[in-house]
Amino acid sequence: MTSPGLRELKKARTRRTIREHALRLFAERGYAATTVDQIAEAAEVSPSTFFRYFPTKDHVVLDEDADPVLVAAARALPEGVPVARGLREAILAVLDGHTPPAGDMLAMTRLAFGEPDLRARTLEHALATEAALAGILAERLGRDPGDMRLHVFAGAVLAAWVTAMRTWSAEDGVRPLAEYLDANLAYLEAGLPL
């Protein structure tokens, strides 16, 4: 595996800087009251540079159409292992290396679920993630992409994810997010007994 070049490192640093300043301003002024121009000024970049990294202000919080951790985990699903167990293991492995710093993740989670302007985008994000998971599972399992069971399963995985995020956020991130997620996915793997 090759290490990222100087250009990629600089781009990642700029993206991280913009996000850090945006999250700080959202906390200080509120999400709705913070403008892209204010974020750009605080990050010492131009508004056009902001838009090269984030197409909208919403994308600072939810910057992908589908959750990259869940999509990467579905693609890494091991062969010959029951889907629920394999996905649980893959999600936890991918989560380990693909999440922003805990403080940023906590702030983004609170914004995504608590900010009225972001709730619709959060729902779009969830629906795109469910569709992506179901599509990957259909391909991996040789099933029809329209098989409703795939979408039900993907929705259950997403519910486990969202519930873990909301509980983790409500408890101020005192325990690692992976612990909540592992417990929820283990429950899914066990067949959701009540």
C-alpha atoms as a PDB file:
ATOM      1  CA  MET A   1       0.000   0.000   0.000  1.00  0.00           C
ATOM      2  CA  THR A   2       1.418   3.384  -0.962  1.00  0.00           C
ATOM      3  CA  SER A   3       1.237   6.319   1.383  1.00  0.00           C
ATOM      4  CA  PRO A   4      -0.650   9.423   0.252  1.00  0.00           C
ATOM      5  CA  GLY A   5       1.314  12.066  -1.587  1.00  0.00           C
ATOM      6  CA  LEU A   6       1.857  15.624  -0.447  1.00  0.00           C
ATOM      7  CA  ARG A   7      -1.089  16.900  -2.494  1.00  0.00           C
ATOM      8  CA  GLU A   8      -3.504  14.374  -0.954  1.00  0.00           C
ATOM      9  CA  LEU A   9      -2.244  15.177   2.543  1.00  0.00           C
ATOM     10  CA  LYS A  10      -2.734  18.900   1.941  1.00  0.00           C
ATOM     11  CA  LYS A  11      -6.264  18.330   0.613  1.00  0.00           C
ATOM     12  CA  ALA A  12      -7.146  16.176   3.625  1.00  0.00           C
ATOM     13  CA  ARG A  13      -5.732  18.821   5.975  1.00  0.00           C
ATOM     14  CA  THR A  14      -7.717  21.599   4.260  1.00  0.00           C
ATOM     15  CA  ARG A  15     -10.921  19.541   4.404  1.00  0.00           C
ATOM     16  CA  ARG A  16     -10.349  18.785   8.099  1.00  0.00           C
ATOM     17  CA  THR A  17      -9.618  22.469   8.839  1.00  0.00           C
ATOM     18  CA  ILE A  18     -12.792  23.622   7.104  1.00  0.00           C
ATOM     19  CA  ARG A  19     -14.853  21.038   8.995  1.00  0.00           C
ATOM     20  CA  GLU A  20     -13.263  21.928  12.366  1.00  0.00           C
ATOM     21  CA  HIS A  21     -14.028  25.627  11.911  1.00  0.00           C
ATOM     22  CA  ALA A  22     -17.544  24.891  10.679  1.00  0.00           C
ATOM     23  CA  LEU A  23     -18.305  22.699  13.696  1.00  0.00           C
ATOM     24  CA  ARG A  24     -16.911  25.337  16.054  1.00  0.00           C
ATOM     25  CA  LEU A  25     -19.036  28.058  14.420  1.00  0.00           C
ATOM     26  CA  PHE A  26     -22.143  25.856  14.468  1.00  0.00           C
ATOM     27  CA  ALA A  27     -21.622  25.347  18.214  1.00  0.00           C
ATOM     28  CA  GLU A  28     -21.057  29.070  18.834  1.00  0.00           C
ATOM     29  CA  ARG A  29     -23.672  30.613  16.522  1.00  0.00           C
ATOM     30  CA  GLY A  30     -26.029  27.815  15.613  1.00  0.00           C
ATOM     31  CA  TYR A  31     -26.170  25.895  12.374  1.00  0.00           C
ATOM     32  CA  ALA A  32     -28.769  28.075  10.637  1.00  0.00           C
ATOM     33  CA  ALA A  33     -27.042  31.331  11.617  1.00  0.00           C
ATOM     34  CA  THR A  34     -23.636  30.257  10.288  1.00  0.00           C
ATOM     35  CA  THR A  35     -22.892  31.095   6.658  1.00  0.00           C
ATOM     36  CA  VAL A  36     -20.482  29.494   4.229  1.00  0.00           C
ATOM     37  CA  ASP A  37     -18.663  32.837   4.000  1.00  0.00           C
ATOM     38  CA  GLN A  38     -18.122  32.825   7.777  1.00  0.00           C
ATOM     39  CA  ILE A  39     -16.822  29.254   7.675  1.00  0.00           C
ATOM     40  CA  ALA A  40     -14.478  30.069   4.798  1.00  0.00           C
ATOM     41  CA  GLU A  41     -13.177  33.169   6.573  1.00  0.00           C
ATOM     42  CA  ALA A  42     -12.547  31.261   9.817  1.00  0.00           C
ATOM     43  CA  ALA A  43     -10.749  28.478   7.914  1.00  0.00           C
ATOM     44  CA  GLU A  44      -8.741  31.068   5.953  1.00  0.00           C
ATOM     45  CA  VAL A  45      -9.954  29.825   2.579  1.00  0.00           C
ATOM     46  CA  SER A  46     -12.112  31.398  -0.096  1.00  0.00           C
ATOM     47  CA  PRO A  47     -15.784  30.463  -0.449  1.00  0.00           C
ATOM     48  CA  SER A  48     -14.913  28.814  -3.775  1.00  0.00           C
ATOM     49  CA  THR A  49     -12.355  26.641  -1.964  1.00  0.00           C
ATOM     50  CA  PHE A  50     -15.041  25.698   0.564  1.00  0.00           C
ATOM     51  CA  PHE A  51     -17.268  24.560  -2.311  1.00  0.00           C
ATOM     52  CA  ARG A  52     -14.468  22.472  -3.828  1.00  0.00           C
ATOM     53  CA  TYR A  53     -14.467  20.407  -0.624  1.00  0.00           C
ATOM     54  CA  PHE A  54     -18.161  20.553   0.325  1.00  0.00           C
ATOM     55  CA  PRO A  55     -20.923  21.177  -2.250  1.00  0.00           C
ATOM     56  CA  THR A  56     -23.208  22.668   0.440  1.00  0.00           C
ATOM     57  CA  LYS A  57     -23.068  23.603   4.107  1.00  0.00           C
ATOM     58  CA  ASP A  58     -25.061  20.427   4.868  1.00  0.00           C
ATOM     59  CA  HIS A  59     -22.229  18.333   3.441  1.00  0.00           C
ATOM     60  CA  VAL A  60     -19.906  19.462   6.244  1.00  0.00           C
ATOM     61  CA  VAL A  61     -22.049  17.290   8.526  1.00  0.00           C
ATOM     62  CA  LEU A  62     -23.288  14.640   6.069  1.00  0.00           C
ATOM     63  CA  ASP A  63     -20.743  14.662   3.289  1.00  0.00           C
ATOM     64  CA  GLU A  64     -21.580  11.413   1.514  1.00  0.00           C
ATOM     65  CA  ASP A  65     -24.717  10.200  -0.231  1.00  0.00           C
ATOM     66  CA  ALA A  66     -24.420   6.867   1.582  1.00  0.00           C
ATOM     67  CA  ASP A  67     -22.558   6.129   4.784  1.00  0.00           C
ATOM     68  CA  PRO A  68     -18.996   5.217   3.751  1.00  0.00           C
ATOM     69  CA  VAL A  69     -18.401   2.943   6.761  1.00  0.00           C
ATOM     70  CA  LEU A  70     -21.470   0.805   6.099  1.00  0.00           C
ATOM     71  CA  VAL A  71     -20.868   0.664   2.337  1.00  0.00           C
ATOM     72  CA  ALA A  72     -17.187  -0.274   2.804  1.00  0.00           C
ATOM     73  CA  ALA A  73     -18.181  -2.940   5.328  1.00  0.00           C
ATOM     74  CA  ALA A  74     -20.739  -4.460   2.963  1.00  0.00           C
ATOM     75  CA  ARG A  75     -18.119  -4.596   0.223  1.00  0.00           C
ATOM     76  CA  ALA A  76     -15.676  -6.289   2.628  1.00  0.00           C
ATOM     77  CA  LEU A  77     -18.189  -8.957   3.650  1.00  0.00           C
ATOM     78  CA  PRO A  78     -16.250 -12.237   3.945  1.00  0.00           C
ATOM     79  CA  GLU A  79     -17.325 -15.260   1.911  1.00  0.00           C
ATOM     80  CA  GLY A  80     -18.777 -18.284   3.687  1.00  0.00           C
ATOM     81  CA  VAL A  81     -19.810 -16.435   6.852  1.00  0.00           C
ATOM     82  CA  PRO A  82     -23.466 -15.776   7.750  1.00  0.00           C
ATOM     83  CA  VAL A  83     -24.352 -12.312   6.482  1.00  0.00           C
ATOM     84  CA  ALA A  84     -25.317 -10.810   9.861  1.00  0.00           C
ATOM     85  CA  ARG A  85     -22.113 -12.006  11.555  1.00  0.00           C
ATOM     86  CA  GLY A  86     -19.897 -11.087   8.613  1.00  0.00           C
ATOM     87  CA  LEU A  87     -21.407  -7.631   8.326  1.00  0.00           C
ATOM     88  CA  ARG A  88     -21.067  -7.081  12.074  1.00  0.00           C
ATOM     89  CA  GLU A  89     -17.360  -8.000  11.945  1.00  0.00           C
ATOM     90  CA  ALA A  90     -16.757  -5.970   8.789  1.00  0.00           C
ATOM     91  CA  ILE A  91     -18.548  -2.874  10.119  1.00  0.00           C
ATOM     92  CA  LEU A  92     -16.532  -2.914  13.335  1.00  0.00           C
ATOM     93  CA  ALA A  93     -13.278  -3.386  11.406  1.00  0.00           C
ATOM     94  CA  VAL A  94     -14.053  -0.580   8.944  1.00  0.00           C
ATOM     95  CA  LEU A  95     -15.324   1.722  11.704  1.00  0.00           C
ATOM     96  CA  ASP A  96     -11.959   1.412  13.415  1.00  0.00           C
ATOM     97  CA  GLY A  97     -10.168   3.227  10.593  1.00  0.00           C
ATOM     98  CA  HIS A  98     -12.785   5.423   8.923  1.00  0.00           C
ATOM     99  CA  THR A  99     -14.261   7.745  11.494  1.00  0.00           C
ATOM    100  CA  PRO A 100     -13.469  11.375  12.239  1.00  0.00           C
ATOM    101  CA  PRO A 101     -12.118  12.281  15.689  1.00  0.00           C
ATOM    102  CA  ALA A 102     -14.667  11.453  18.426  1.00  0.00           C
ATOM    103  CA  GLY A 103     -15.354  15.122  19.215  1.00  0.00           C
ATOM    104  CA  ASP A 104     -16.107  15.912  15.565  1.00  0.00           C
ATOM    105  CA  MET A 105     -18.231  12.789  15.218  1.00  0.00           C
ATOM    106  CA  LEU A 106     -20.207  13.700  18.337  1.00  0.00           C
ATOM    107  CA  ALA A 107     -20.825  17.241  17.062  1.00  0.00           C
ATOM    108  CA  MET A 108     -21.844  15.992  13.604  1.00  0.00           C
ATOM    109  CA  THR A 109     -24.198  13.392  15.107  1.00  0.00           C
ATOM    110  CA  ARG A 110     -25.899  15.978  17.292  1.00  0.00           C
ATOM    111  CA  LEU A 111     -26.302  18.316  14.349  1.00  0.00           C
ATOM    112  CA  ALA A 112     -27.619  15.596  12.037  1.00  0.00           C
ATOM    113  CA  PHE A 113     -30.329  14.503  14.462  1.00  0.00           C
ATOM    114  CA  GLY A 114     -31.003  17.778  16.250  1.00  0.00           C
ATOM    115  CA  GLU A 115     -30.893  20.472  13.580  1.00  0.00           C
ATOM    116  CA  PRO A 116     -34.187  20.906  11.710  1.00  0.00           C
ATOM    117  CA  ASP A 117     -32.355  22.009   8.544  1.00  0.00           C
ATOM    118  CA  LEU A 118     -30.381  18.748   8.512  1.00  0.00           C
ATOM    119  CA  ARG A 119     -33.116  16.233   9.336  1.00  0.00           C
ATOM    120  CA  ALA A 120     -34.318  15.895   5.738  1.00  0.00           C
ATOM    121  CA  ARG A 121     -30.733  15.436   4.542  1.00  0.00           C
ATOM    122  CA  THR A 122     -30.215  12.849   7.298  1.00  0.00           C
ATOM    123  CA  LEU A 123     -33.235  10.905   6.050  1.00  0.00           C
ATOM    124  CA  GLU A 124     -31.984  11.109   2.433  1.00  0.00           C
ATOM    125  CA  HIS A 125     -28.605   9.888   3.669  1.00  0.00           C
ATOM    126  CA  ALA A 126     -30.243   6.952   5.477  1.00  0.00           C
ATOM    127  CA  LEU A 127     -32.330   5.966   2.452  1.00  0.00           C
ATOM    128  CA  ALA A 128     -29.291   6.134   0.159  1.00  0.00           C
ATOM    129  CA  THR A 129     -27.320   3.997   2.608  1.00  0.00           C
ATOM    130  CA  GLU A 130     -30.103   1.411   2.819  1.00  0.00           C
ATOM    131  CA  ALA A 131     -30.334   1.219  -0.984  1.00  0.00           C
ATOM    132  CA  ALA A 132     -26.546   0.925  -1.322  1.00  0.00           C
ATOM    133  CA  LEU A 133     -26.368  -1.838   1.308  1.00  0.00           C
ATOM    134  CA  ALA A 134     -29.242  -3.764  -0.283  1.00  0.00           C
ATOM    135  CA  GLY A 135     -27.616  -3.459  -3.720  1.00  0.00           C
ATOM    136  CA  ILE A 136     -24.243  -4.700  -2.501  1.00  0.00           C
ATOM    137  CA  LEU A 137     -25.879  -7.583  -0.635  1.00  0.00           C
ATOM    138  CA  ALA A 138     -27.895  -8.517  -3.746  1.00  0.00           C
ATOM    139  CA  GLU A 139     -24.697  -8.665  -5.772  1.00  0.00           C
ATOM    140  CA  ARG A 140     -22.775 -10.609  -3.113  1.00  0.00           C
ATOM    141  CA  LEU A 141     -25.592 -13.103  -2.533  1.00  0.00           C
ATOM    142  CA  GLY A 142     -26.669 -13.459  -6.162  1.00  0.00           C
ATOM    143  CA  ARG A 143     -30.153 -12.149  -5.414  1.00  0.00           C
ATOM    144  CA  ASP A 144     -32.553  -9.903  -7.282  1.00  0.00           C
ATOM    145  CA  PRO A 145     -31.843  -6.285  -6.206  1.00  0.00           C
ATOM    146  CA  GLY A 146     -35.586  -5.795  -5.767  1.00  0.00           C
ATOM    147  CA  ASP A 147     -35.825  -8.574  -3.157  1.00  0.00           C
ATOM    148  CA  MET A 148     -37.599  -6.814  -0.303  1.00  0.00           C
ATOM    149  CA  ARG A 149     -35.871  -9.022   2.289  1.00  0.00           C
ATOM    150  CA  LEU A 150     -32.543  -7.426   1.350  1.00  0.00           C
ATOM    151  CA  HIS A 151     -34.010  -3.984   1.971  1.00  0.00           C
ATOM    152  CA  VAL A 152     -35.546  -5.093   5.282  1.00  0.00           C
ATOM    153  CA  PHE A 153     -32.179  -6.487   6.387  1.00  0.00           C
ATOM    154  CA  ALA A 154     -30.338  -3.349   5.213  1.00  0.00           C
ATOM    155  CA  GLY A 155     -32.913  -1.218   7.047  1.00  0.00           C
ATOM    156  CA  ALA A 156     -32.370  -3.237  10.225  1.00  0.00           C
ATOM    157  CA  VAL A 157     -28.595  -2.737   9.953  1.00  0.00           C
ATOM    158  CA  LEU A 158     -29.164   0.964   9.442  1.00  0.00           C
ATOM    159  CA  ALA A 159     -31.512   1.078  12.460  1.00  0.00           C
ATOM    160  CA  ALA A 160     -28.799  -0.590  14.555  1.00  0.00           C
ATOM    161  CA  TRP A 161     -26.340   2.055  13.308  1.00  0.00           C
ATOM    162  CA  VAL A 162     -28.653   5.039  13.914  1.00  0.00           C
ATOM    163  CA  THR A 163     -29.686   3.811  17.366  1.00  0.00           C
ATOM    164  CA  ALA A 164     -26.033   3.338  18.314  1.00  0.00           C
ATOM    165  CA  MET A 165     -25.202   6.866  17.107  1.00  0.00           C
ATOM    166  CA  ARG A 166     -28.127   8.483  18.929  1.00  0.00           C
ATOM    167  CA  THR A 167     -27.480   6.613  22.195  1.00  0.00           C
ATOM    168  CA  TRP A 168     -23.742   7.331  22.009  1.00  0.00           C
ATOM    169  CA  SER A 169     -24.492  11.013  21.393  1.00  0.00           C
ATOM    170  CA  ALA A 170     -27.081  11.226  24.198  1.00  0.00           C
ATOM    171  CA  GLU A 171     -24.534   9.727  26.596  1.00  0.00           C
ATOM    172  CA  ASP A 172     -21.897  12.276  25.491  1.00  0.00           C
ATOM    173  CA  GLY A 173     -19.667   9.646  23.903  1.00  0.00           C
ATOM    174  CA  VAL A 174     -18.482   8.330  27.268  1.00  0.00           C
ATOM    175  CA  ARG A 175     -17.997   4.851  25.780  1.00  0.00           C
ATOM    176  CA  PRO A 176     -16.663   4.122  22.305  1.00  0.00           C
ATOM    177  CA  LEU A 177     -19.274   4.179  19.537  1.00  0.00           C
ATOM    178  CA  ALA A 178     -18.120   0.697  18.502  1.00  0.00           C
ATOM    179  CA  GLU A 179     -19.424  -0.751  21.798  1.00  0.00           C
ATOM    180  CA  TYR A 180     -22.959   0.470  21.124  1.00  0.00           C
ATOM    181  CA  LEU A 181     -22.800  -0.653  17.532  1.00  0.00           C
ATOM    182  CA  ASP A 182     -21.448  -4.087  18.427  1.00  0.00           C
ATOM    183  CA  ALA A 183     -24.269  -4.630  20.939  1.00  0.00           C
ATOM    184  CA  ASN A 184     -26.924  -3.572  18.416  1.00  0.00           C
ATOM    185  CA  LEU A 185     -25.485  -5.706  15.614  1.00  0.00           C
ATOM    186  CA  ALA A 186     -25.183  -8.689  17.976  1.00  0.00           C
ATOM    187  CA  TYR A 187     -28.878  -8.261  18.736  1.00  0.00           C
ATOM    188  CA  LEU A 188     -29.628  -8.204  15.001  1.00  0.00           C
ATOM    189  CA  GLU A 189     -27.447 -11.270  14.490  1.00  0.00           C
ATOM    190  CA  ALA A 190     -29.378 -13.092  17.247  1.00  0.00           C
ATOM    191  CA  GLY A 191     -32.607 -12.557  15.298  1.00  0.00           C
ATOM    192  CA  LEU A 192     -33.999  -9.583  17.248  1.00  0.00           C
ATOM    193  CA  PRO A 193     -35.521 -11.589  20.130  1.00  0.00           C
ATOM    194  CA  LEU A 194     -37.839  -9.621  22.414  1.00  0.00           C
END
